[in-house]
Amino acid sequence: MIEFLGIGAVTIMVVSYGLEQRHPLFVALFALGCTLAAFYALLIGSYPFLVAEGIWAVLAARRYLRLRR
């Protein structure tokens, strides 16, 4: 069951990354996908992946806030 969280997170990340030129909300969706992927990494005990996805989530959230202004 937990695998669906990982699959969903990666799917959200890939789709939103491909569409982020269309609207700033896709950047926010990418940040959400990264956050979900980080949570998945925490649940499976993959701490290097947790750190990497956490960094991506923060960078994407900052980029969204900058685009929103």
C-alpha atoms as a PDB file:
ATOM      1  CA  MET A   1       0.000   0.000   0.000  1.00  0.00           C
ATOM      2  CA  ILE A   2       2.839   2.397   0.828  1.00  0.00           C
ATOM      3  CA  GLU A   3       4.185   1.913  -2.704  1.00  0.00           C
ATOM      4  CA  PHE A   4       1.185   3.821  -4.041  1.00  0.00           C
ATOM      5  CA  LEU A   5       2.331   6.881  -2.102  1.00  0.00           C
ATOM      6  CA  GLY A   6       5.725   6.704  -3.802  1.00  0.00           C
ATOM      7  CA  ILE A   7       4.234   6.100  -7.232  1.00  0.00           C
ATOM      8  CA  GLY A   8       1.745   8.936  -6.761  1.00  0.00           C
ATOM      9  CA  ALA A   9       4.435  11.345  -5.561  1.00  0.00           C
ATOM     10  CA  VAL A  10       6.710  10.629  -8.510  1.00  0.00           C
ATOM     11  CA  THR A  11       3.807  10.864 -10.960  1.00  0.00           C
ATOM     12  CA  ILE A  12       2.816  14.258  -9.556  1.00  0.00           C
ATOM     13  CA  MET A  13       6.424  15.424  -9.789  1.00  0.00           C
ATOM     14  CA  VAL A  14       6.922  14.322 -13.396  1.00  0.00           C
ATOM     15  CA  VAL A  15       3.613  15.668 -14.698  1.00  0.00           C
ATOM     16  CA  SER A  16       3.854  18.993 -12.870  1.00  0.00           C
ATOM     17  CA  TYR A  17       7.485  19.465 -13.926  1.00  0.00           C
ATOM     18  CA  GLY A  18       6.470  18.983 -17.542  1.00  0.00           C
ATOM     19  CA  LEU A  19       3.638  21.510 -17.217  1.00  0.00           C
ATOM     20  CA  GLU A  20       5.240  24.160 -15.024  1.00  0.00           C
ATOM     21  CA  GLN A  21       5.735  26.552 -17.966  1.00  0.00           C
ATOM     22  CA  ARG A  22       1.952  26.746 -18.366  1.00  0.00           C
ATOM     23  CA  HIS A  23       1.081  28.136 -14.942  1.00  0.00           C
ATOM     24  CA  PRO A  24       2.827  28.859 -11.608  1.00  0.00           C
ATOM     25  CA  LEU A  25       0.444  26.477  -9.822  1.00  0.00           C
ATOM     26  CA  PHE A  26       2.283  23.583 -11.453  1.00  0.00           C
ATOM     27  CA  VAL A  27       5.415  24.728  -9.607  1.00  0.00           C
ATOM     28  CA  ALA A  28       3.424  24.531  -6.361  1.00  0.00           C
ATOM     29  CA  LEU A  29       2.179  21.093  -7.363  1.00  0.00           C
ATOM     30  CA  PHE A  30       5.782  20.041  -8.014  1.00  0.00           C
ATOM     31  CA  ALA A  31       6.679  21.204  -4.487  1.00  0.00           C
ATOM     32  CA  LEU A  32       3.790  19.136  -3.121  1.00  0.00           C
ATOM     33  CA  GLY A  33       4.984  16.083  -5.047  1.00  0.00           C
ATOM     34  CA  CYS A  34       8.489  16.538  -3.646  1.00  0.00           C
ATOM     35  CA  THR A  35       7.051  16.803  -0.138  1.00  0.00           C
ATOM     36  CA  LEU A  36       5.090  13.591  -0.627  1.00  0.00           C
ATOM     37  CA  ALA A  37       8.206  11.872  -1.980  1.00  0.00           C
ATOM     38  CA  ALA A  38      10.164  13.045   1.075  1.00  0.00           C
ATOM     39  CA  PHE A  39       7.446  11.670   3.350  1.00  0.00           C
ATOM     40  CA  TYR A  40       7.568   8.364   1.461  1.00  0.00           C
ATOM     41  CA  ALA A  41      11.357   8.285   1.894  1.00  0.00           C
ATOM     42  CA  LEU A  42      10.916   8.827   5.631  1.00  0.00           C
ATOM     43  CA  LEU A  43       8.428   5.965   5.843  1.00  0.00           C
ATOM     44  CA  ILE A  44      10.752   3.538   4.071  1.00  0.00           C
ATOM     45  CA  GLY A  45      13.836   4.743   5.956  1.00  0.00           C
ATOM     46  CA  SER A  46      15.700   6.160   2.954  1.00  0.00           C
ATOM     47  CA  TYR A  47      17.290   9.169   4.619  1.00  0.00           C
ATOM     48  CA  PRO A  48      19.499  10.330   1.704  1.00  0.00           C
ATOM     49  CA  PHE A  49      16.377  10.398  -0.488  1.00  0.00           C
ATOM     50  CA  LEU A  50      14.503  12.214   2.285  1.00  0.00           C
ATOM     51  CA  VAL A  51      17.148  14.950   2.362  1.00  0.00           C
ATOM     52  CA  ALA A  52      17.284  15.262  -1.432  1.00  0.00           C
ATOM     53  CA  GLU A  53      13.509  15.468  -1.844  1.00  0.00           C
ATOM     54  CA  GLY A  54      13.230  17.833   1.100  1.00  0.00           C
ATOM     55  CA  ILE A  55      15.690  20.194  -0.564  1.00  0.00           C
ATOM     56  CA  TRP A  56      13.778  19.977  -3.865  1.00  0.00           C
ATOM     57  CA  ALA A  57      10.526  20.742  -2.026  1.00  0.00           C
ATOM     58  CA  VAL A  58      11.974  23.849  -0.373  1.00  0.00           C
ATOM     59  CA  LEU A  59      13.516  25.106  -3.625  1.00  0.00           C
ATOM     60  CA  ALA A  60      10.277  24.557  -5.545  1.00  0.00           C
ATOM     61  CA  ALA A  61       8.208  26.288  -2.862  1.00  0.00           C
ATOM     62  CA  ARG A  62      10.552  29.285  -2.927  1.00  0.00           C
ATOM     63  CA  ARG A  63      10.374  29.393  -6.721  1.00  0.00           C
ATOM     64  CA  TYR A  64       6.570  29.339  -6.561  1.00  0.00           C
ATOM     65  CA  LEU A  65       6.496  32.194  -4.064  1.00  0.00           C
ATOM     66  CA  ARG A  66       8.842  34.196  -6.285  1.00  0.00           C
ATOM     67  CA  LEU A  67       6.694  33.546  -9.377  1.00  0.00           C
ATOM     68  CA  ARG A  68       3.541  34.553  -7.505  1.00  0.00           C
ATOM     69  CA  ARG A  69       4.836  38.054  -6.805  1.00  0.00           C
END
